[in-house]
Amino acid sequence: MSDRAEVGLLDYSRRLPVRLVLLVVLLFLYLPLAVLVLFSFNDSRRTTVWKGFTTEWYARLAGNAELILALANSLTIALVTTLIALLIGTLAAIGLWRFRFPGNGLVGSAFSLPIVVPEICMGVAFLIFFARVLRWPQGLGWPLDLGPIIIAHVAFCFPFVTVVVRARLASFNRDLEEAARDLGASPWRALFDVVLPHLKPSLVAGALLAFTLSLDDFVITFFTAGPDTVTFPVKVYSMVRFSVTPEVNAISTLLLLITVALTLVALRVQAVAGDLQPRPTA
């Protein structure tokens, strides 16, 4: 009899073919990103030839006023979008969860449309809306010139918040809210003291998701931005059109680090929330 432990039928992680496939997938996804980060420190303007290590391109970014303005625009749009999308998305999720009315399922499905509709379609739709229907005035000063982008980003991001919050509400025990009402709490007091604490992990995850989507968005921003409004992704795209230099690699690396940091924060918050959940007792 062999001393080797028999691999279980469902223990896929110990099977060599599965490990090889997983390794190939990880290399396919992350090796290009690793090359991008590496060549952002290349001591040469040619991105295909490695000449040595330098941080010159990051120093140039610090003195690039146009790029700093584009980053400030993107951060402002992302912060405002996150706050509005979090409010609308949370209220929509609570409303769909608490109230039962004709067409509830249809309304819930309608909230998911921005998630499945291609961004190019939404971008063209918002372009027509702001140009022909709303007739948003041009030449407004900062931050009013960011209005169309913020409105478009809110419409795109709040359904993601709604989906995350609704998933969290599915695990909520309604008896807790009813008990709070029986003890004299008003509907709003029960909402803030019982329901919202339970939703805290989903609110944080939804906010981080909305912030990341807004910060990284290019297609919708490209169609809704005014002639004098430049955001970070649009600025990167305009630089790439002329030539891919290590400066572009450095910009992309910074944007990648911001996105990864927000993702790690969201995962950490979800893990902490899971540890704080009460465990069932026998």
Protein backbone atom coordinates (compact mmCIF):
# COMPACT_ATOMS: atom_id res chain seq x y z
CA MET A 1 0.00 0.00 0.00
CA SER A 2 1.38 3.40 -0.91
CA ASP A 3 2.22 5.87 1.89
CA ARG A 4 1.09 8.72 -0.30
CA ALA A 5 -2.22 10.25 0.82
CA GLU A 6 -4.96 9.64 -1.67
CA VAL A 7 -6.22 12.77 -3.35
CA GLY A 8 -9.91 13.30 -2.74
CA LEU A 9 -12.32 13.55 -5.61
CA LEU A 10 -13.16 17.20 -4.86
CA ASP A 11 -9.70 18.23 -3.64
CA TYR A 12 -8.87 20.00 -6.90
CA SER A 13 -6.09 22.17 -5.48
CA ARG A 14 -3.83 19.11 -5.01
CA ARG A 15 -4.15 17.95 -8.60
CA LEU A 16 -1.14 18.80 -10.79
CA PRO A 17 -3.09 19.67 -13.98
CA VAL A 18 -5.27 22.10 -12.03
CA ARG A 19 -2.21 23.74 -10.51
CA LEU A 20 -0.60 24.11 -13.93
CA VAL A 21 -3.73 25.67 -15.41
CA LEU A 22 -3.97 28.06 -12.45
CA LEU A 23 -0.32 29.04 -12.89
CA VAL A 24 -0.80 29.72 -16.61
CA VAL A 25 -3.90 31.86 -15.91
CA LEU A 26 -2.08 33.90 -13.24
CA LEU A 27 0.90 34.47 -15.55
CA PHE A 28 -1.43 35.48 -18.39
CA LEU A 29 -3.19 38.03 -16.14
CA TYR A 30 -0.34 39.49 -14.11
CA LEU A 31 2.86 39.10 -16.13
CA PRO A 32 2.02 42.05 -18.45
CA LEU A 33 1.32 44.19 -15.37
CA ALA A 34 4.64 43.18 -13.85
CA VAL A 35 6.44 44.15 -17.07
CA LEU A 36 4.62 47.49 -17.05
CA VAL A 37 5.78 48.24 -13.51
CA LEU A 38 9.34 47.12 -14.28
CA PHE A 39 9.70 49.31 -17.37
CA SER A 40 8.38 52.36 -15.51
CA PHE A 41 11.88 52.40 -13.94
CA ASN A 42 13.68 52.00 -17.27
CA ASP A 43 16.49 54.47 -17.88
CA SER A 44 15.55 54.90 -21.53
CA ARG A 45 12.76 56.46 -23.54
CA ARG A 46 12.41 53.23 -25.50
CA THR A 47 10.06 50.89 -23.66
CA THR A 48 11.33 47.78 -25.44
CA VAL A 49 14.99 48.02 -24.39
CA TRP A 50 16.15 47.91 -20.77
CA LYS A 51 19.03 50.33 -20.13
CA GLY A 52 19.10 50.51 -16.33
CA PHE A 53 17.19 51.50 -13.21
CA THR A 54 16.00 55.07 -12.63
CA THR A 55 13.21 56.99 -10.90
CA GLU A 56 13.47 59.93 -13.29
CA TRP A 57 10.05 59.35 -14.82
CA TYR A 58 8.32 59.53 -11.45
CA ALA A 59 10.16 62.79 -10.72
CA ARG A 60 8.91 64.19 -14.02
CA LEU A 61 5.36 63.27 -13.11
CA ALA A 62 5.61 65.29 -9.89
CA GLY A 63 6.37 68.42 -11.94
CA ASN A 64 3.73 67.86 -14.61
CA ALA A 65 1.01 70.42 -13.83
CA GLU A 66 -1.39 69.12 -16.49
CA LEU A 67 -1.16 65.60 -15.17
CA ILE A 68 -1.67 66.72 -11.58
CA LEU A 69 -4.77 68.68 -12.64
CA ALA A 70 -6.11 65.61 -14.47
CA LEU A 71 -5.54 63.48 -11.38
CA ALA A 72 -7.26 66.08 -9.19
CA ASN A 73 -10.25 66.05 -11.55
CA SER A 74 -10.47 62.27 -11.43
CA LEU A 75 -10.23 62.15 -7.63
CA THR A 76 -12.88 64.87 -7.25
CA ILE A 77 -15.22 63.08 -9.64
CA ALA A 78 -14.63 59.74 -7.93
CA LEU A 79 -15.26 61.12 -4.41
CA VAL A 80 -18.47 62.96 -5.32
CA THR A 81 -19.68 60.02 -7.40
CA THR A 82 -19.02 57.63 -4.52
CA LEU A 83 -21.04 59.68 -2.03
CA ILE A 84 -24.04 60.12 -4.33
CA ALA A 85 -23.95 56.55 -5.68
CA LEU A 86 -23.68 55.15 -2.15
CA LEU A 87 -26.74 57.11 -1.02
CA ILE A 88 -28.89 56.29 -4.06
CA GLY A 89 -27.75 52.68 -4.27
CA THR A 90 -28.37 52.00 -0.57
CA LEU A 91 -31.84 53.58 -0.62
CA ALA A 92 -32.73 51.62 -3.76
CA ALA A 93 -31.57 48.34 -2.22
CA ILE A 94 -33.48 48.95 1.04
CA GLY A 95 -36.60 49.99 -0.86
CA LEU A 96 -36.56 46.88 -3.06
CA TRP A 97 -35.91 44.68 -0.01
CA ARG A 98 -38.47 46.17 2.33
CA PHE A 99 -41.42 46.95 0.05
CA ARG A 100 -43.31 44.50 -2.13
CA PHE A 101 -45.17 46.12 -4.99
CA PRO A 102 -46.25 45.15 -8.52
CA GLY A 103 -43.21 45.18 -10.76
CA ASN A 104 -40.69 44.85 -7.91
CA GLY A 105 -38.67 42.29 -9.84
CA LEU A 106 -38.83 44.37 -13.01
CA VAL A 107 -37.55 47.45 -11.19
CA GLY A 108 -34.74 45.43 -9.62
CA SER A 109 -33.76 44.14 -13.04
CA ALA A 110 -33.86 47.68 -14.47
CA PHE A 111 -31.32 48.76 -11.86
CA SER A 112 -28.97 46.10 -13.24
CA LEU A 113 -29.10 47.39 -16.81
CA PRO A 114 -26.12 49.78 -16.47
CA ILE A 115 -24.05 46.79 -15.34
CA VAL A 116 -24.74 44.70 -18.44
CA VAL A 117 -25.09 47.43 -21.07
CA PRO A 118 -21.76 48.12 -22.87
CA GLU A 119 -20.09 51.33 -21.71
CA ILE A 120 -19.80 52.59 -25.28
CA CYS A 121 -23.61 52.57 -25.52
CA MET A 122 -23.95 54.47 -22.26
CA GLY A 123 -21.31 56.94 -23.36
CA VAL A 124 -23.10 57.73 -26.62
CA ALA A 125 -26.45 57.94 -24.80
CA PHE A 126 -25.08 60.44 -22.27
CA LEU A 127 -23.46 62.46 -25.06
CA ILE A 128 -26.83 62.87 -26.78
CA PHE A 129 -28.58 63.52 -23.47
CA PHE A 130 -26.28 66.35 -22.39
CA ALA A 131 -25.95 67.85 -25.86
CA ARG A 132 -29.56 67.65 -27.09
CA VAL A 133 -31.84 67.14 -24.07
CA LEU A 134 -30.26 68.74 -21.02
CA ARG A 135 -28.13 71.19 -23.04
CA TRP A 136 -25.47 71.50 -20.36
CA PRO A 137 -23.73 74.88 -20.79
CA GLN A 138 -20.09 74.93 -21.84
CA GLY A 139 -17.30 77.05 -20.39
CA LEU A 140 -18.30 76.64 -16.74
CA GLY A 141 -15.55 76.94 -14.18
CA TRP A 142 -14.25 74.20 -11.93
CA PRO A 143 -15.96 72.15 -10.46
CA LEU A 144 -19.19 72.86 -12.40
CA ASP A 145 -17.53 71.65 -15.59
CA LEU A 146 -17.30 68.21 -13.97
CA GLY A 147 -21.09 68.00 -13.60
CA PRO A 148 -21.88 65.89 -16.70
CA ILE A 149 -19.15 63.40 -15.87
CA ILE A 150 -20.35 63.07 -12.26
CA ILE A 151 -23.97 62.56 -13.33
CA ALA A 152 -22.94 59.90 -15.85
CA HIS A 153 -20.67 58.15 -13.35
CA VAL A 154 -23.41 58.10 -10.70
CA ALA A 155 -25.82 56.48 -13.18
CA PHE A 156 -23.15 53.91 -13.99
CA CYS A 157 -21.90 53.18 -10.45
CA PHE A 158 -24.96 53.18 -8.18
CA PRO A 159 -26.36 49.86 -9.57
CA PHE A 160 -23.16 48.16 -8.39
CA VAL A 161 -23.78 49.54 -4.90
CA THR A 162 -27.39 48.34 -5.06
CA VAL A 163 -26.33 44.79 -5.97
CA VAL A 164 -23.78 44.62 -3.14
CA VAL A 165 -26.18 46.01 -0.52
CA ARG A 166 -29.05 43.76 -1.63
CA ALA A 167 -26.80 40.73 -1.29
CA ARG A 168 -26.01 41.75 2.28
CA LEU A 169 -29.67 42.38 3.08
CA ALA A 170 -30.49 38.80 2.06
CA SER A 171 -28.74 37.61 5.23
CA PHE A 172 -30.48 40.09 7.55
CA ASN A 173 -32.86 38.70 10.17
CA ARG A 174 -36.03 40.78 9.99
CA ASP A 175 -36.92 39.69 13.53
CA LEU A 176 -34.18 42.02 14.84
CA GLU A 177 -35.83 45.05 13.29
CA GLU A 178 -39.26 43.96 14.52
CA ALA A 179 -37.85 43.51 18.02
CA ALA A 180 -36.47 47.04 17.92
CA ARG A 181 -39.87 48.34 16.83
CA ASP A 182 -41.57 46.43 19.66
CA LEU A 183 -39.19 48.06 22.12
CA GLY A 184 -40.32 51.51 21.00
CA ALA A 185 -37.87 52.40 18.23
CA SER A 186 -39.22 54.49 15.38
CA PRO A 187 -38.81 53.20 11.80
CA TRP A 188 -35.86 55.55 11.23
CA ARG A 189 -34.27 54.65 14.57
CA ALA A 190 -34.58 50.94 13.78
CA LEU A 191 -33.05 51.59 10.36
CA PHE A 192 -30.03 53.46 11.72
CA ASP A 193 -29.45 51.34 14.82
CA VAL A 194 -30.25 47.84 13.51
CA VAL A 195 -30.24 47.65 9.72
CA LEU A 196 -27.36 49.97 8.82
CA PRO A 197 -24.85 48.37 11.24
CA HIS A 198 -25.56 45.07 9.53
CA LEU A 199 -24.99 46.72 6.15
CA LYS A 200 -21.69 48.35 7.14
CA PRO A 201 -19.42 45.85 5.30
CA SER A 202 -21.49 46.12 2.12
CA LEU A 203 -21.55 49.91 2.37
CA VAL A 204 -17.77 50.04 2.58
CA ALA A 205 -17.38 47.50 -0.24
CA GLY A 206 -19.92 49.34 -2.41
CA ALA A 207 -18.24 52.69 -1.80
CA LEU A 208 -14.81 51.32 -2.69
CA LEU A 209 -16.24 49.63 -5.78
CA ALA A 210 -17.93 52.84 -6.94
CA PHE A 211 -14.77 54.87 -6.27
CA THR A 212 -12.60 52.44 -8.24
CA LEU A 213 -15.02 52.23 -11.17
CA SER A 214 -15.29 56.00 -11.39
CA LEU A 215 -11.55 56.57 -11.07
CA ASP A 216 -10.70 54.01 -13.76
CA ASP A 217 -13.50 54.84 -16.20
CA PHE A 218 -12.46 56.06 -19.62
CA VAL A 219 -15.23 55.36 -22.14
CA ILE A 220 -18.11 57.21 -20.44
CA THR A 221 -15.78 60.03 -19.40
CA PHE A 222 -14.49 60.40 -22.96
CA PHE A 223 -18.02 61.02 -24.28
CA THR A 224 -19.23 63.30 -21.47
CA ALA A 225 -16.17 65.44 -20.77
CA GLY A 226 -16.13 69.01 -22.05
CA PRO A 227 -13.40 70.39 -24.30
CA ASP A 228 -11.53 71.89 -21.35
CA THR A 229 -12.00 69.00 -18.92
CA VAL A 230 -9.35 66.29 -18.76
CA THR A 231 -9.37 63.36 -16.38
CA PHE A 232 -6.57 61.00 -15.46
CA PRO A 233 -7.50 58.06 -17.76
CA VAL A 234 -8.21 60.42 -20.68
CA LYS A 235 -4.85 62.12 -20.14
CA VAL A 236 -3.07 58.77 -20.16
CA TYR A 237 -4.86 57.83 -23.38
CA SER A 238 -3.80 61.08 -25.04
CA MET A 239 -0.18 60.42 -24.06
CA VAL A 240 -0.30 56.86 -25.37
CA ARG A 241 -1.57 58.07 -28.76
CA PHE A 242 1.72 59.84 -29.44
CA SER A 243 4.16 57.31 -27.98
CA VAL A 244 4.42 54.81 -25.17
CA THR A 245 7.19 56.19 -22.96
CA PRO A 246 8.33 55.18 -19.47
CA GLU A 247 6.43 58.25 -18.24
CA VAL A 248 3.20 56.61 -19.42
CA ASN A 249 4.30 53.42 -17.69
CA ALA A 250 4.88 55.36 -14.48
CA ILE A 251 1.41 56.93 -14.68
CA SER A 252 -0.16 53.53 -15.29
CA THR A 253 1.76 52.06 -12.38
CA LEU A 254 0.45 54.73 -10.00
CA LEU A 255 -3.12 54.15 -11.17
CA LEU A 256 -2.61 50.41 -10.77
CA LEU A 257 -1.31 50.87 -7.22
CA ILE A 258 -4.33 53.01 -6.28
CA THR A 259 -6.73 50.38 -7.62
CA VAL A 260 -4.92 47.51 -5.90
CA ALA A 261 -4.81 49.41 -2.60
CA LEU A 262 -8.57 50.03 -2.70
CA THR A 263 -9.20 46.37 -3.53
CA LEU A 264 -7.07 45.22 -0.58
CA VAL A 265 -8.92 47.59 1.74
CA ALA A 266 -12.25 46.18 0.57
CA LEU A 267 -11.08 42.61 1.10
CA ARG A 268 -9.75 43.49 4.55
CA VAL A 269 -13.02 45.13 5.58
CA GLN A 270 -15.00 42.13 4.41
CA ALA A 271 -12.70 39.77 6.30
CA VAL A 272 -12.99 41.78 9.51
CA ALA A 273 -16.76 41.95 9.13
CA GLY A 274 -16.88 38.19 8.68
CA ASP A 275 -14.88 37.65 11.87
CA LEU A 276 -17.24 39.91 13.81
CA GLN A 277 -20.35 37.98 12.74
CA PRO A 278 -21.85 35.91 15.56
CA ARG A 279 -21.33 32.18 15.20
CA PRO A 280 -24.27 29.82 15.66
CA THR A 281 -24.17 27.87 18.89
CA ALA A 282 -25.16 24.26 19.29
